Amino acid sequence: MVFLIFSFIILVFNVYANNSGEELSAIPHLRMGVGARALGLGSAFVGLSDDATVTYWNPAGLGKISIYKIHISSMYTKMAYDRVYSFLSIYEKLEENYGGVGLSWHNFIVDNIEERGESGELKSLFNYSVNTFTVSYGNSILDNFKGGVNLKYYYIKVGVDYASGIGFDIGSLYKPFGPLFQIGLVIQDVNFGVYWNSGRKDIIYPVVKCGFSYNIIYEKFILAADIEKPFNTRFKTHFGAEYWLNEYFGIRGGLSELNLTAGISFRITNYQIDYSYFLDNDNLGDIHRFSILAYF
């Protein structure tokens, strides 16, 4: 299975090679990540993938064994420059070891964008909105190996113009040395482009991510690291660590590229509230994120 995924990645690289370089992707916000817990870990989550945000990070996480049947995650972020970023995911563990199936909604909005004339006069205000709807499935293939897929529908609206397209992700999780060390591999947003009502086609460049997680103290102290390669730009790195002081309170920190991240969690019975802080070095404003996880 790992060989097949690597072969598929090479094939996809060849398909997009003629258009790669430092070009912009049609939906760049898809690379921002979801879930305050994962983002507090510096976005090093592909090799961990153990909560309801797996429908974004790595669908192979849907094949993990869980005592809960329903998993829910939600996140809402208000950012500088009238940007709003939201995520909602729900997945269900199926009976008879059939894995898990999930649904998620990914939304990014920029309000009050100004359209100005040649002399600088304000002509109108319009909004930019992107919605990504995802159906996910994951299951155990072997005792120590899990696989998963996402099917995605993209919808972009800019003023009166709109575009849509279809894509998919494929991911895996592998435990080569027992239960404490895990490797994750995922390719996200393999697609056929998005097509505008004007007839123009834009490319969403895929990204390959590989990561690991290591439970230094099982379910208490975790180290994680990811490396990612978008097809249109350079490699990126992510590192994080998480420590649970007790069953109710956890802390974490990380490094996403050169941006420091930190976060805390409060867990009560079947609910978990996460907060993360992103120290921005690109002059777009520091980001505070809150998310909720629930298990039933």
C-alpha atoms as a PDB file:
ATOM      1  CA  MET A   1       0.000   0.000   0.000  1.00  0.00           C
ATOM      2  CA  VAL A   2       2.809   2.457   0.865  1.00  0.00           C
ATOM      3  CA  PHE A   3       4.509   1.595  -2.439  1.00  0.00           C
ATOM      4  CA  LEU A   4       1.273   2.290  -4.303  1.00  0.00           C
ATOM      5  CA  ILE A   5       0.896   5.675  -2.597  1.00  0.00           C
ATOM      6  CA  PHE A   6       4.484   6.649  -3.447  1.00  0.00           C
ATOM      7  CA  SER A   7       3.950   5.547  -7.055  1.00  0.00           C
ATOM      8  CA  PHE A   8       0.766   7.598  -7.199  1.00  0.00           C
ATOM      9  CA  ILE A   9       2.584  10.659  -5.803  1.00  0.00           C
ATOM     10  CA  ILE A  10       5.267  10.384  -8.493  1.00  0.00           C
ATOM     11  CA  LEU A  11       2.582  10.133 -11.163  1.00  0.00           C
ATOM     12  CA  VAL A  12       0.769  13.219  -9.856  1.00  0.00           C
ATOM     13  CA  PHE A  13       4.043  15.181  -9.662  1.00  0.00           C
ATOM     14  CA  ASN A  14       4.593  14.424 -13.340  1.00  0.00           C
ATOM     15  CA  VAL A  15       1.088  15.597 -14.234  1.00  0.00           C
ATOM     16  CA  TYR A  16       1.548  18.975 -12.500  1.00  0.00           C
ATOM     17  CA  ALA A  17       5.240  19.413 -13.322  1.00  0.00           C
ATOM     18  CA  ASN A  18       4.675  21.634 -16.345  1.00  0.00           C
ATOM     19  CA  ASN A  19       2.725  24.163 -14.291  1.00  0.00           C
ATOM     20  CA  SER A  20       4.758  24.125 -11.085  1.00  0.00           C
ATOM     21  CA  GLY A  21       7.272  26.670  -9.789  1.00  0.00           C
ATOM     22  CA  GLU A  22       6.225  29.515  -7.526  1.00  0.00           C
ATOM     23  CA  GLU A  23       2.734  29.943  -8.966  1.00  0.00           C
ATOM     24  CA  LEU A  24      -0.263  30.623  -6.757  1.00  0.00           C
ATOM     25  CA  SER A  25      -2.779  27.898  -6.056  1.00  0.00           C
ATOM     26  CA  ALA A  26      -6.454  28.652  -6.695  1.00  0.00           C
ATOM     27  CA  ILE A  27      -7.443  28.039  -3.046  1.00  0.00           C
ATOM     28  CA  PRO A  28      -4.362  28.844  -0.902  1.00  0.00           C
ATOM     29  CA  HIS A  29      -6.284  28.867   2.387  1.00  0.00           C
ATOM     30  CA  LEU A  30      -6.583  25.053   2.146  1.00  0.00           C
ATOM     31  CA  ARG A  31      -3.000  24.970   3.466  1.00  0.00           C
ATOM     32  CA  MET A  32      -3.824  26.864   6.682  1.00  0.00           C
ATOM     33  CA  GLY A  33      -4.802  23.745   8.645  1.00  0.00           C
ATOM     34  CA  VAL A  34      -7.725  23.165  10.994  1.00  0.00           C
ATOM     35  CA  GLY A  35      -8.299  22.489  14.686  1.00  0.00           C
ATOM     36  CA  ALA A  36      -6.749  24.574  17.461  1.00  0.00           C
ATOM     37  CA  ARG A  37      -5.045  21.470  18.893  1.00  0.00           C
ATOM     38  CA  ALA A  38      -3.269  20.547  15.643  1.00  0.00           C
ATOM     39  CA  LEU A  39      -2.387  24.183  14.928  1.00  0.00           C
ATOM     40  CA  GLY A  40      -0.991  24.617  18.432  1.00  0.00           C
ATOM     41  CA  LEU A  41       1.319  21.709  17.589  1.00  0.00           C
ATOM     42  CA  GLY A  42       2.781  23.740  14.752  1.00  0.00           C
ATOM     43  CA  SER A  43       0.529  21.912  12.246  1.00  0.00           C
ATOM     44  CA  ALA A  44       2.509  18.713  12.836  1.00  0.00           C
ATOM     45  CA  PHE A  45      -0.497  16.403  12.777  1.00  0.00           C
ATOM     46  CA  VAL A  46      -0.312  14.108   9.735  1.00  0.00           C
ATOM     47  CA  GLY A  47       1.470  11.381  11.708  1.00  0.00           C
ATOM     48  CA  LEU A  48      -0.781  11.790  14.772  1.00  0.00           C
ATOM     49  CA  SER A  49      -4.298  12.225  13.327  1.00  0.00           C
ATOM     50  CA  ASP A  50      -6.221  11.078  16.388  1.00  0.00           C
ATOM     51  CA  ASP A  51      -9.232  13.402  16.655  1.00  0.00           C
ATOM     52  CA  ALA A  52     -12.176  14.522  14.507  1.00  0.00           C
ATOM     53  CA  THR A  53      -9.990  16.837  12.390  1.00  0.00           C
ATOM     54  CA  VAL A  54      -8.599  13.766  10.591  1.00  0.00           C
ATOM     55  CA  THR A  55     -11.057  14.483   7.774  1.00  0.00           C
ATOM     56  CA  TYR A  56      -8.682  17.330   6.919  1.00  0.00           C
ATOM     57  CA  TRP A  57      -5.240  16.107   8.030  1.00  0.00           C
ATOM     58  CA  ASN A  58      -5.240  12.420   7.121  1.00  0.00           C
ATOM     59  CA  PRO A  59      -8.372  10.323   6.434  1.00  0.00           C
ATOM     60  CA  ALA A  60      -6.501   7.167   7.477  1.00  0.00           C
ATOM     61  CA  GLY A  61      -7.166   8.345  11.044  1.00  0.00           C
ATOM     62  CA  LEU A  62     -10.795   7.273  10.538  1.00  0.00           C
ATOM     63  CA  GLY A  63      -9.594   3.678  10.811  1.00  0.00           C
ATOM     64  CA  LYS A  64      -8.313   4.088  14.364  1.00  0.00           C
ATOM     65  CA  ILE A  65      -9.966   2.136  17.151  1.00  0.00           C
ATOM     66  CA  SER A  66     -12.111   4.339  19.401  1.00  0.00           C
ATOM     67  CA  ILE A  67     -14.502   3.680  22.248  1.00  0.00           C
ATOM     68  CA  TYR A  68     -16.742   6.479  20.903  1.00  0.00           C
ATOM     69  CA  LYS A  69     -19.101   6.113  17.946  1.00  0.00           C
ATOM     70  CA  ILE A  70     -19.537   9.794  16.961  1.00  0.00           C
ATOM     71  CA  HIS A  71     -16.688  12.350  16.741  1.00  0.00           C
ATOM     72  CA  ILE A  72     -17.331  16.080  16.131  1.00  0.00           C
ATOM     73  CA  SER A  73     -14.945  18.993  15.608  1.00  0.00           C
ATOM     74  CA  SER A  74     -15.695  22.672  15.024  1.00  0.00           C
ATOM     75  CA  MET A  75     -13.520  25.767  14.645  1.00  0.00           C
ATOM     76  CA  TYR A  76     -14.257  29.459  14.035  1.00  0.00           C
ATOM     77  CA  THR A  77     -11.544  32.073  13.542  1.00  0.00           C
ATOM     78  CA  LYS A  78     -11.902  35.808  12.986  1.00  0.00           C
ATOM     79  CA  MET A  79      -8.667  37.180  11.515  1.00  0.00           C
ATOM     80  CA  ALA A  80      -7.299  40.535  10.443  1.00  0.00           C
ATOM     81  CA  TYR A  81      -8.348  42.145   7.153  1.00  0.00           C
ATOM     82  CA  ASP A  82     -11.960  40.938   7.459  1.00  0.00           C
ATOM     83  CA  ARG A  83     -11.014  37.266   7.060  1.00  0.00           C
ATOM     84  CA  VAL A  84     -13.169  34.526   8.625  1.00  0.00           C
ATOM     85  CA  TYR A  85     -12.061  30.903   8.673  1.00  0.00           C
ATOM     86  CA  SER A  86     -14.330  28.032   9.782  1.00  0.00           C
ATOM     87  CA  PHE A  87     -14.329  24.251   9.886  1.00  0.00           C
ATOM     88  CA  LEU A  88     -16.899  21.646  10.905  1.00  0.00           C
ATOM     89  CA  SER A  89     -16.430  17.879  10.844  1.00  0.00           C
ATOM     90  CA  ILE A  90     -18.345  14.847  12.021  1.00  0.00           C
ATOM     91  CA  TYR A  91     -17.467  11.198  11.623  1.00  0.00           C
ATOM     92  CA  GLU A  92     -18.961   7.920  12.744  1.00  0.00           C
ATOM     93  CA  LYS A  93     -17.202   4.709  13.644  1.00  0.00           C
ATOM     94  CA  LEU A  94     -18.895   1.900  11.764  1.00  0.00           C
ATOM     95  CA  GLU A  95     -19.778  -1.480  13.209  1.00  0.00           C
ATOM     96  CA  GLU A  96     -18.007  -4.795  12.577  1.00  0.00           C
ATOM     97  CA  ASN A  97     -14.567  -3.230  12.045  1.00  0.00           C
ATOM     98  CA  TYR A  98     -15.682  -1.450   8.881  1.00  0.00           C
ATOM     99  CA  GLY A  99     -13.705   1.673   9.780  1.00  0.00           C
ATOM    100  CA  GLY A 100     -15.164   5.164   9.893  1.00  0.00           C
ATOM    101  CA  VAL A 101     -16.981   7.553   7.567  1.00  0.00           C
ATOM    102  CA  GLY A 102     -16.998  11.339   7.865  1.00  0.00           C
ATOM    103  CA  LEU A 103     -18.361  14.614   6.492  1.00  0.00           C
ATOM    104  CA  SER A 104     -16.702  18.024   6.770  1.00  0.00           C
ATOM    105  CA  TRP A 105     -17.148  21.628   5.681  1.00  0.00           C
ATOM    106  CA  HIS A 106     -14.257  24.012   5.178  1.00  0.00           C
ATOM    107  CA  ASN A 107     -15.023  27.733   4.704  1.00  0.00           C
ATOM    108  CA  PHE A 108     -12.969  30.866   4.108  1.00  0.00           C
ATOM    109  CA  ILE A 109     -14.488  34.347   3.638  1.00  0.00           C
ATOM    110  CA  VAL A 110     -13.071  37.810   3.009  1.00  0.00           C
ATOM    111  CA  ASP A 111     -15.663  40.578   3.411  1.00  0.00           C
ATOM    112  CA  ASN A 112     -15.766  44.128   2.114  1.00  0.00           C
ATOM    113  CA  ILE A 113     -13.180  43.901  -0.660  1.00  0.00           C
ATOM    114  CA  GLU A 114     -12.992  47.268  -2.426  1.00  0.00           C
ATOM    115  CA  GLU A 115     -13.258  47.624  -6.184  1.00  0.00           C
ATOM    116  CA  ARG A 116     -11.788  50.937  -7.275  1.00  0.00           C
ATOM    117  CA  GLY A 117     -11.624  52.734 -10.587  1.00  0.00           C
ATOM    118  CA  GLU A 118      -8.554  54.009 -12.444  1.00  0.00           C
ATOM    119  CA  SER A 119      -8.557  57.278 -10.492  1.00  0.00           C
ATOM    120  CA  GLY A 120      -8.952  55.507  -7.152  1.00  0.00           C
ATOM    121  CA  GLU A 121     -12.648  56.125  -6.631  1.00  0.00           C
ATOM    122  CA  LEU A 122     -14.627  53.424  -4.808  1.00  0.00           C
ATOM    123  CA  LYS A 123     -16.878  51.609  -7.245  1.00  0.00           C
ATOM    124  CA  SER A 124     -18.266  48.767  -5.127  1.00  0.00           C
ATOM    125  CA  LEU A 125     -17.694  46.308  -2.299  1.00  0.00           C
ATOM    126  CA  PHE A 126     -17.722  42.562  -2.861  1.00  0.00           C
ATOM    127  CA  ASN A 127     -17.000  39.344  -0.940  1.00  0.00           C
ATOM    128  CA  TYR A 128     -14.691  36.395  -1.594  1.00  0.00           C
ATOM    129  CA  SER A 129     -15.935  33.026  -0.344  1.00  0.00           C
ATOM    130  CA  VAL A 130     -14.645  29.467  -0.701  1.00  0.00           C
ATOM    131  CA  ASN A 131     -16.452  26.346   0.513  1.00  0.00           C
ATOM    132  CA  THR A 132     -14.945  22.864   0.440  1.00  0.00           C
ATOM    133  CA  PHE A 133     -17.249  19.919   1.197  1.00  0.00           C
ATOM    134  CA  THR A 134     -15.604  16.572   1.952  1.00  0.00           C
ATOM    135  CA  VAL A 135     -16.768  12.964   2.278  1.00  0.00           C
ATOM    136  CA  SER A 136     -14.210  10.722   4.031  1.00  0.00           C
ATOM    137  CA  TYR A 137     -13.600   7.038   4.637  1.00  0.00           C
ATOM    138  CA  GLY A 138     -10.817   5.182   6.448  1.00  0.00           C
ATOM    139  CA  ASN A 139     -10.179   1.685   7.761  1.00  0.00           C
ATOM    140  CA  SER A 140      -7.518  -0.707   9.002  1.00  0.00           C
ATOM    141  CA  ILE A 141      -5.857  -2.624   6.188  1.00  0.00           C
ATOM    142  CA  LEU A 142      -3.461  -4.530   8.444  1.00  0.00           C
ATOM    143  CA  ASP A 143      -3.071  -4.580  12.226  1.00  0.00           C
ATOM    144  CA  ASN A 144      -0.465  -1.793  12.086  1.00  0.00           C
ATOM    145  CA  PHE A 145      -1.471  -0.092   8.826  1.00  0.00           C
ATOM    146  CA  LYS A 146      -4.471   2.128   8.023  1.00  0.00           C
ATOM    147  CA  GLY A 147      -5.608   3.862   4.868  1.00  0.00           C
ATOM    148  CA  GLY A 148      -8.189   6.484   3.980  1.00  0.00           C
ATOM    149  CA  VAL A 149      -9.582   8.669   1.190  1.00  0.00           C
ATOM    150  CA  ASN A 150     -11.367  12.024   0.917  1.00  0.00           C
ATOM    151  CA  LEU A 151     -13.619  13.116  -1.928  1.00  0.00           C
ATOM    152  CA  LYS A 152     -13.879  16.919  -2.178  1.00  0.00           C
ATOM    153  CA  TYR A 153     -16.109  19.461  -3.867  1.00  0.00           C
ATOM    154  CA  TYR A 154     -14.778  23.033  -4.168  1.00  0.00           C
ATOM    155  CA  TYR A 155     -16.981  26.088  -4.675  1.00  0.00           C
ATOM    156  CA  ILE A 156     -15.559  29.617  -5.047  1.00  0.00           C
ATOM    157  CA  LYS A 157     -17.580  32.836  -5.289  1.00  0.00           C
ATOM    158  CA  VAL A 158     -16.087  36.264  -5.992  1.00  0.00           C
ATOM    159  CA  GLY A 159     -18.747  38.926  -6.342  1.00  0.00           C
ATOM    160  CA  VAL A 160     -21.070  37.646  -9.068  1.00  0.00           C
ATOM    161  CA  ASP A 161     -18.534  35.166 -10.471  1.00  0.00           C
ATOM    162  CA  TYR A 162     -18.233  31.572  -9.306  1.00  0.00           C
ATOM    163  CA  ALA A 163     -16.223  28.409  -9.915  1.00  0.00           C
ATOM    164  CA  SER A 164     -16.374  24.772  -8.866  1.00  0.00           C
ATOM    165  CA  GLY A 165     -14.325  21.600  -9.075  1.00  0.00           C
ATOM    166  CA  ILE A 166     -13.718  18.122  -7.674  1.00  0.00           C
ATOM    167  CA  GLY A 167     -10.631  16.638  -6.004  1.00  0.00           C
ATOM    168  CA  PHE A 168      -9.526  13.967  -3.566  1.00  0.00           C
ATOM    169  CA  ASP A 169      -6.962  13.047  -0.873  1.00  0.00           C
ATOM    170  CA  ILE A 170      -5.386   9.696  -0.094  1.00  0.00           C
ATOM    171  CA  GLY A 171      -3.619   8.952   3.188  1.00  0.00           C
ATOM    172  CA  SER A 172      -2.029   6.240   5.309  1.00  0.00           C
ATOM    173  CA  LEU A 173      -0.847   5.628   8.884  1.00  0.00           C
ATOM    174  CA  TYR A 174       1.733   2.996   9.795  1.00  0.00           C
ATOM    175  CA  LYS A 175       3.107   1.776  13.130  1.00  0.00           C
ATOM    176  CA  PRO A 176       6.366  -0.052  12.309  1.00  0.00           C
ATOM    177  CA  PHE A 177       7.729  -0.428  15.858  1.00  0.00           C
ATOM    178  CA  GLY A 178       4.706  -1.007  18.090  1.00  0.00           C
ATOM    179  CA  PRO A 179       1.973   1.284  19.430  1.00  0.00           C
ATOM    180  CA  LEU A 180       4.073   4.334  20.434  1.00  0.00           C
ATOM    181  CA  PHE A 181       5.582   5.435  17.093  1.00  0.00           C
ATOM    182  CA  GLN A 182       3.474   6.230  14.040  1.00  0.00           C
ATOM    183  CA  ILE A 183       4.232   7.469  10.516  1.00  0.00           C
ATOM    184  CA  GLY A 184       1.707   9.260   8.329  1.00  0.00           C
ATOM    185  CA  LEU A 185       1.742   9.930   4.594  1.00  0.00           C
ATOM    186  CA  VAL A 186      -0.932  11.869   2.703  1.00  0.00           C
ATOM    187  CA  ILE A 187      -1.379  13.568  -0.651  1.00  0.00           C
ATOM    188  CA  GLN A 188      -4.032  16.295  -0.572  1.00  0.00           C
ATOM    189  CA  ASP A 189      -6.096  17.983  -3.260  1.00  0.00           C
ATOM    190  CA  VAL A 190      -5.409  15.918  -6.334  1.00  0.00           C
ATOM    191  CA  ASN A 191      -7.875  17.603  -8.673  1.00  0.00           C
ATOM    192  CA  PHE A 192      -8.919  18.459 -12.188  1.00  0.00           C
ATOM    193  CA  GLY A 193      -8.918  22.222 -11.625  1.00  0.00           C
ATOM    194  CA  VAL A 194     -11.780  24.597 -10.864  1.00  0.00           C
ATOM    195  CA  TYR A 195     -13.832  26.008 -13.732  1.00  0.00           C
ATOM    196  CA  TRP A 196     -15.298  29.522 -13.662  1.00  0.00           C
ATOM    197  CA  ASN A 197     -18.593  30.597 -15.163  1.00  0.00           C
ATOM    198  CA  SER A 198     -16.499  32.687 -17.584  1.00  0.00           C
ATOM    199  CA  GLY A 199     -14.859  29.490 -18.901  1.00  0.00           C
ATOM    200  CA  ARG A 200     -11.453  30.072 -17.262  1.00  0.00           C
ATOM    201  CA  LYS A 201      -9.732  27.166 -15.500  1.00  0.00           C
ATOM    202  CA  ASP A 202      -7.582  27.586 -12.360  1.00  0.00           C
ATOM    203  CA  ILE A 203      -5.301  24.993 -10.781  1.00  0.00           C
ATOM    204  CA  ILE A 204      -5.365  23.869  -7.150  1.00  0.00           C
ATOM    205  CA  TYR A 205      -1.882  22.518  -6.608  1.00  0.00           C
ATOM    206  CA  PRO A 206      -1.728  19.312  -4.535  1.00  0.00           C
ATOM    207  CA  VAL A 207       0.558  18.896  -1.536  1.00  0.00           C
ATOM    208  CA  VAL A 208       2.370  15.829  -0.192  1.00  0.00           C
ATOM    209  CA  LYS A 209       2.812  15.563   3.578  1.00  0.00           C
ATOM    210  CA  CYS A 210       4.788  13.064   5.621  1.00  0.00           C
ATOM    211  CA  GLY A 211       4.948  13.079   9.403  1.00  0.00           C
ATOM    212  CA  PHE A 212       5.492  11.068  12.547  1.00  0.00           C
ATOM    213  CA  SER A 213       4.332  11.086  16.138  1.00  0.00           C
ATOM    214  CA  TYR A 214       6.014   9.497  19.135  1.00  0.00           C
ATOM    215  CA  ASN A 215       4.307   8.882  22.469  1.00  0.00           C
ATOM    216  CA  ILE A 216       7.204   9.364  24.865  1.00  0.00           C
ATOM    217  CA  ILE A 217       4.711   8.806  27.671  1.00  0.00           C
ATOM    218  CA  TYR A 218       1.627   7.075  26.270  1.00  0.00           C
ATOM    219  CA  GLU A 219      -1.310   9.509  25.847  1.00  0.00           C
ATOM    220  CA  LYS A 220       0.522  12.043  28.031  1.00  0.00           C
ATOM    221  CA  PHE A 221       3.661  13.362  26.311  1.00  0.00           C
ATOM    222  CA  ILE A 222       3.801  13.396  22.491  1.00  0.00           C
ATOM    223  CA  LEU A 223       6.341  14.664  19.977  1.00  0.00           C
ATOM    224  CA  ALA A 224       5.359  15.224  16.328  1.00  0.00           C
ATOM    225  CA  ALA A 225       6.947  16.489  13.127  1.00  0.00           C
ATOM    226  CA  ASP A 226       5.750  16.962   9.547  1.00  0.00           C
ATOM    227  CA  ILE A 227       7.368  17.872   6.263  1.00  0.00           C
ATOM    228  CA  GLU A 228       5.242  18.982   3.335  1.00  0.00           C
ATOM    229  CA  LYS A 229       5.885  19.678  -0.325  1.00  0.00           C
ATOM    230  CA  PRO A 230       3.294  21.726  -2.210  1.00  0.00           C
ATOM    231  CA  PHE A 231       3.587  21.080  -5.935  1.00  0.00           C
ATOM    232  CA  ASN A 232       3.993  24.807  -6.669  1.00  0.00           C
ATOM    233  CA  THR A 233       6.522  25.883  -4.039  1.00  0.00           C
ATOM    234  CA  ARG A 234       9.265  24.796  -1.633  1.00  0.00           C
ATOM    235  CA  PHE A 235       9.335  22.307   1.228  1.00  0.00           C
ATOM    236  CA  LYS A 236       7.827  23.343   4.573  1.00  0.00           C
ATOM    237  CA  THR A 237       8.471  21.947   8.048  1.00  0.00           C
ATOM    238  CA  HIS A 238       6.365  21.659  11.189  1.00  0.00           C
ATOM    239  CA  PHE A 239       7.281  20.554  14.728  1.00  0.00           C
ATOM    240  CA  GLY A 240       5.236  20.213  17.904  1.00  0.00           C
ATOM    241  CA  ALA A 241       5.055  18.771  21.404  1.00  0.00           C
ATOM    242  CA  GLU A 242       2.060  18.110  23.660  1.00  0.00           C
ATOM    243  CA  TYR A 243       1.940  17.341  27.363  1.00  0.00           C
ATOM    244  CA  TRP A 244      -1.112  16.514  29.471  1.00  0.00           C
ATOM    245  CA  LEU A 245      -0.646  17.560  33.087  1.00  0.00           C
ATOM    246  CA  ASN A 246      -3.652  15.433  34.053  1.00  0.00           C
ATOM    247  CA  GLU A 247      -6.805  14.096  32.398  1.00  0.00           C
ATOM    248  CA  TYR A 248      -8.331  17.597  32.268  1.00  0.00           C
ATOM    249  CA  PHE A 249      -5.575  19.997  31.167  1.00  0.00           C
ATOM    250  CA  GLY A 250      -3.027  19.858  28.333  1.00  0.00           C
ATOM    251  CA  ILE A 251      -0.421  22.255  26.973  1.00  0.00           C
ATOM    252  CA  ARG A 252       1.438  22.273  23.652  1.00  0.00           C
ATOM    253  CA  GLY A 253       3.809  24.276  21.537  1.00  0.00           C
ATOM    254  CA  GLY A 254       5.321  24.139  18.106  1.00  0.00           C
ATOM    255  CA  LEU A 255       7.083  25.717  15.188  1.00  0.00           C
ATOM    256  CA  SER A 256       5.384  26.070  11.802  1.00  0.00           C
ATOM    257  CA  GLU A 257       8.123  27.240   9.471  1.00  0.00           C
ATOM    258  CA  LEU A 258       9.529  30.204  11.434  1.00  0.00           C
ATOM    259  CA  ASN A 259       6.230  30.927  13.191  1.00  0.00           C
ATOM    260  CA  LEU A 260       5.907  29.996  16.855  1.00  0.00           C
ATOM    261  CA  THR A 261       2.697  28.338  17.993  1.00  0.00           C
ATOM    262  CA  ALA A 262       1.290  27.473  21.410  1.00  0.00           C
ATOM    263  CA  GLY A 263      -1.939  26.094  22.821  1.00  0.00           C
ATOM    264  CA  ILE A 264      -3.875  24.693  25.738  1.00  0.00           C
ATOM    265  CA  SER A 265      -6.758  22.255  26.151  1.00  0.00           C
ATOM    266  CA  PHE A 266      -9.490  21.720  28.722  1.00  0.00           C
ATOM    267  CA  ARG A 267     -11.166  18.311  28.703  1.00  0.00           C
ATOM    268  CA  ILE A 268     -14.353  17.483  30.607  1.00  0.00           C
ATOM    269  CA  THR A 269     -15.921  14.037  30.149  1.00  0.00           C
ATOM    270  CA  ASN A 270     -16.668  13.786  26.384  1.00  0.00           C
ATOM    271  CA  TYR A 271     -15.831  17.397  25.497  1.00  0.00           C
ATOM    272  CA  GLN A 272     -12.579  19.217  24.809  1.00  0.00           C
ATOM    273  CA  ILE A 273     -12.007  22.949  24.286  1.00  0.00           C
ATOM    274  CA  ASP A 274      -8.762  23.878  22.520  1.00  0.00           C
ATOM    275  CA  TYR A 275      -7.041  27.221  22.084  1.00  0.00           C
ATOM    276  CA  SER A 276      -4.010  28.008  19.912  1.00  0.00           C
ATOM    277  CA  TYR A 277      -1.889  31.073  19.271  1.00  0.00           C
ATOM    278  CA  PHE A 278      -0.001  31.668  16.026  1.00  0.00           C
ATOM    279  CA  LEU A 279       2.808  34.254  16.105  1.00  0.00           C
ATOM    280  CA  ASP A 280       2.813  35.589  12.548  1.00  0.00           C
ATOM    281  CA  ASN A 281       6.044  36.691  10.875  1.00  0.00           C
ATOM    282  CA  ASP A 282       4.425  37.760   7.595  1.00  0.00           C
ATOM    283  CA  ASN A 283       2.720  40.941   8.851  1.00  0.00           C
ATOM    284  CA  LEU A 284      -0.767  39.480   8.388  1.00  0.00           C
ATOM    285  CA  GLY A 285      -1.541  39.546  12.098  1.00  0.00           C
ATOM    286  CA  ASP A 286      -1.192  37.021  14.907  1.00  0.00           C
ATOM    287  CA  ILE A 287      -4.003  34.473  15.001  1.00  0.00           C
ATOM    288  CA  HIS A 288      -6.036  33.193  17.966  1.00  0.00           C
ATOM    289  CA  ARG A 289      -8.049  30.049  17.320  1.00  0.00           C
ATOM    290  CA  PHE A 290     -10.646  28.198  19.363  1.00  0.00           C
ATOM    291  CA  SER A 291     -12.139  24.832  18.574  1.00  0.00           C
ATOM    292  CA  ILE A 292     -14.353  22.235  20.244  1.00  0.00           C
ATOM    293  CA  LEU A 293     -14.099  18.466  20.102  1.00  0.00           C
ATOM    294  CA  ALA A 294     -16.956  16.227  21.226  1.00  0.00           C
ATOM    295  CA  TYR A 295     -17.232  12.439  21.450  1.00  0.00           C
ATOM    296  CA  PHE A 296     -20.383  10.356  21.922  1.00  0.00           C
END
